[in-house]
């Protein structure tokens, strides 16, 4: 009995001393600082051993949004306007790169099969991470 308690306490101590894993979640919407000022929203599509796969929306918010109406999120390409950021449907980032973005959780969402099309093409192409 004492042995089981000691093993349990040791396990708790080792877990408490280990570096904590990020609280990133698939389907989570996160705010990041936009290049042109304000904030942009991204969605985590997948988290795998190599990194984090995100969908980057073009909307710009003055402040970190407390919540987002997902029906208003959109993505534009190179022809984006001055108040819009470049959107990207699938961006594979290493964990180190993603960590440097300083993401802030906004709300939980879901990932649709359509949103995973870029990820699946990336897998077929044996793509890398940024």
Protein backbone atom coordinates (compact mmCIF):
# COMPACT_ATOMS: atom_id res chain seq x y z
CA UNK A 1 0.00 0.00 0.00
CA UNK A 2 2.76 2.46 0.93
CA UNK A 3 4.55 1.56 -2.31
CA UNK A 4 1.49 2.48 -4.38
CA UNK A 5 1.15 5.80 -2.55
CA UNK A 6 4.85 6.57 -3.08
CA UNK A 7 4.60 5.76 -6.80
CA UNK A 8 1.49 7.96 -7.05
CA UNK A 9 3.20 10.88 -5.31
CA UNK A 10 6.31 10.49 -7.46
CA UNK A 11 4.14 10.49 -10.57
CA UNK A 12 2.42 13.71 -9.45
CA UNK A 13 5.77 15.38 -8.70
CA UNK A 14 7.25 14.42 -12.07
CA UNK A 15 4.17 15.68 -13.89
CA UNK A 16 4.26 18.97 -11.98
CA UNK A 17 7.95 19.49 -12.78
CA UNK A 18 7.66 18.58 -16.47
CA UNK A 19 7.13 21.41 -18.94
CA UNK A 20 3.42 21.81 -19.55
CA UNK A 21 2.02 21.03 -22.97
CA UNK A 22 0.33 23.89 -24.79
CA UNK A 23 -3.43 24.03 -24.46
CA UNK A 24 -3.99 24.08 -28.22
CA UNK A 25 -7.05 22.21 -29.45
CA UNK A 26 -8.20 21.08 -32.87
CA UNK A 27 -11.15 23.18 -33.96
CA UNK A 28 -10.14 25.99 -31.63
CA UNK A 29 -10.37 29.57 -32.87
CA UNK A 30 -7.44 31.74 -31.81
CA UNK A 31 -6.54 35.41 -32.20
CA UNK A 32 -3.08 36.51 -33.35
CA UNK A 33 -1.62 39.96 -33.92
CA UNK A 34 -2.13 41.01 -37.54
CA UNK A 35 0.72 42.54 -39.53
CA UNK A 36 -1.31 45.67 -40.31
CA UNK A 37 -2.38 46.15 -36.69
CA UNK A 38 -5.26 44.64 -34.79
CA UNK A 39 -5.93 40.92 -34.69
CA UNK A 40 -6.64 38.09 -37.06
CA UNK A 41 -8.37 34.77 -36.31
CA UNK A 42 -7.10 31.30 -37.13
CA UNK A 43 -8.53 27.85 -36.64
CA UNK A 44 -6.44 24.82 -35.70
CA UNK A 45 -7.31 22.11 -38.22
CA UNK A 46 -4.99 19.38 -36.97
CA UNK A 47 -2.24 18.87 -34.44
CA UNK A 48 0.24 16.12 -35.21
CA UNK A 49 3.71 15.04 -34.10
CA UNK A 50 5.38 17.50 -36.47
CA UNK A 51 3.32 20.58 -35.87
CA UNK A 52 0.07 22.49 -36.06
CA UNK A 53 -2.06 22.92 -39.18
CA UNK A 54 -4.09 26.11 -39.31
CA UNK A 55 -6.67 27.96 -41.42
CA UNK A 56 -5.95 31.69 -41.38
CA UNK A 57 -8.91 34.03 -41.89
CA UNK A 58 -8.74 37.50 -43.46
CA UNK A 59 -10.96 39.38 -41.01
CA UNK A 60 -9.24 42.01 -38.92
CA UNK A 61 -10.41 42.93 -35.42
CA UNK A 62 -9.31 46.00 -33.44
CA UNK A 63 -8.98 43.99 -30.24
CA UNK A 64 -8.80 40.31 -29.35
CA UNK A 65 -12.39 39.20 -29.93
CA UNK A 66 -14.22 37.70 -26.97
CA UNK A 67 -16.23 35.58 -29.40
CA UNK A 68 -16.58 35.30 -33.17
CA UNK A 69 -19.62 34.80 -35.37
CA UNK A 70 -18.12 32.08 -37.54
CA UNK A 71 -20.50 32.90 -40.40
CA UNK A 72 -18.67 36.23 -40.83
CA UNK A 73 -15.20 34.70 -41.18
CA UNK A 74 -13.77 34.76 -44.70
CA UNK A 75 -10.54 34.37 -46.59
CA UNK A 76 -9.09 36.48 -49.42
CA UNK A 77 -5.92 36.05 -51.42
CA UNK A 78 -3.35 38.37 -52.95
CA UNK A 79 -6.01 40.89 -53.99
CA UNK A 80 -6.93 41.64 -50.37
CA UNK A 81 -7.94 45.17 -49.43
CA UNK A 82 -6.11 47.53 -47.05
CA UNK A 83 -8.25 46.47 -44.07
CA UNK A 84 -7.98 42.76 -44.87
CA UNK A 85 -5.21 40.30 -44.16
CA UNK A 86 -4.09 37.54 -46.50
CA UNK A 87 -6.01 34.35 -45.76
CA UNK A 88 -4.59 30.85 -46.06
CA UNK A 89 -6.67 27.66 -46.22
CA UNK A 90 -3.95 25.36 -44.92
CA UNK A 91 -0.73 26.42 -43.26
CA UNK A 92 1.49 23.72 -41.69
CA UNK A 93 3.57 25.22 -38.88
CA UNK A 94 6.17 23.57 -36.69
CA UNK A 95 5.29 23.64 -33.01
CA UNK A 96 8.13 26.11 -32.47
CA UNK A 97 6.83 28.46 -35.19
CA UNK A 98 3.26 28.24 -33.93
CA UNK A 99 4.40 28.89 -30.35
CA UNK A 100 6.06 32.11 -31.47
CA UNK A 101 2.74 33.48 -32.81
CA UNK A 102 1.41 34.17 -29.31
CA UNK A 103 -2.05 32.77 -30.01
CA UNK A 104 -4.95 33.62 -27.69
CA UNK A 105 -7.87 31.21 -27.43
CA UNK A 106 -11.22 32.74 -28.45
CA UNK A 107 -13.68 29.83 -28.66
CA UNK A 108 -14.12 26.20 -29.59
CA UNK A 109 -15.40 25.30 -33.05
CA UNK A 110 -15.42 22.26 -35.30
CA UNK A 111 -13.40 21.30 -38.36
CA UNK A 112 -15.36 20.34 -41.47
CA UNK A 113 -14.20 17.81 -44.09
CA UNK A 114 -13.93 20.70 -46.60
CA UNK A 115 -11.52 22.54 -44.30
CA UNK A 116 -9.29 19.45 -44.23
CA UNK A 117 -8.88 19.22 -48.04
CA UNK A 118 -5.63 21.25 -48.00
CA UNK A 119 -4.32 19.15 -45.12
CA UNK A 120 -5.09 15.93 -47.00
CA UNK A 121 -3.30 17.24 -50.14
CA UNK A 122 -0.35 18.16 -47.91
CA UNK A 123 -0.24 14.59 -46.56
CA UNK A 124 -0.38 13.13 -50.10
CA UNK A 125 2.48 15.45 -51.13
CA UNK A 126 4.48 14.55 -48.00
CA UNK A 127 4.78 18.24 -47.22
CA UNK A 128 6.91 19.95 -44.62
CA UNK A 129 6.39 22.63 -41.99
CA UNK A 130 7.19 26.32 -41.81
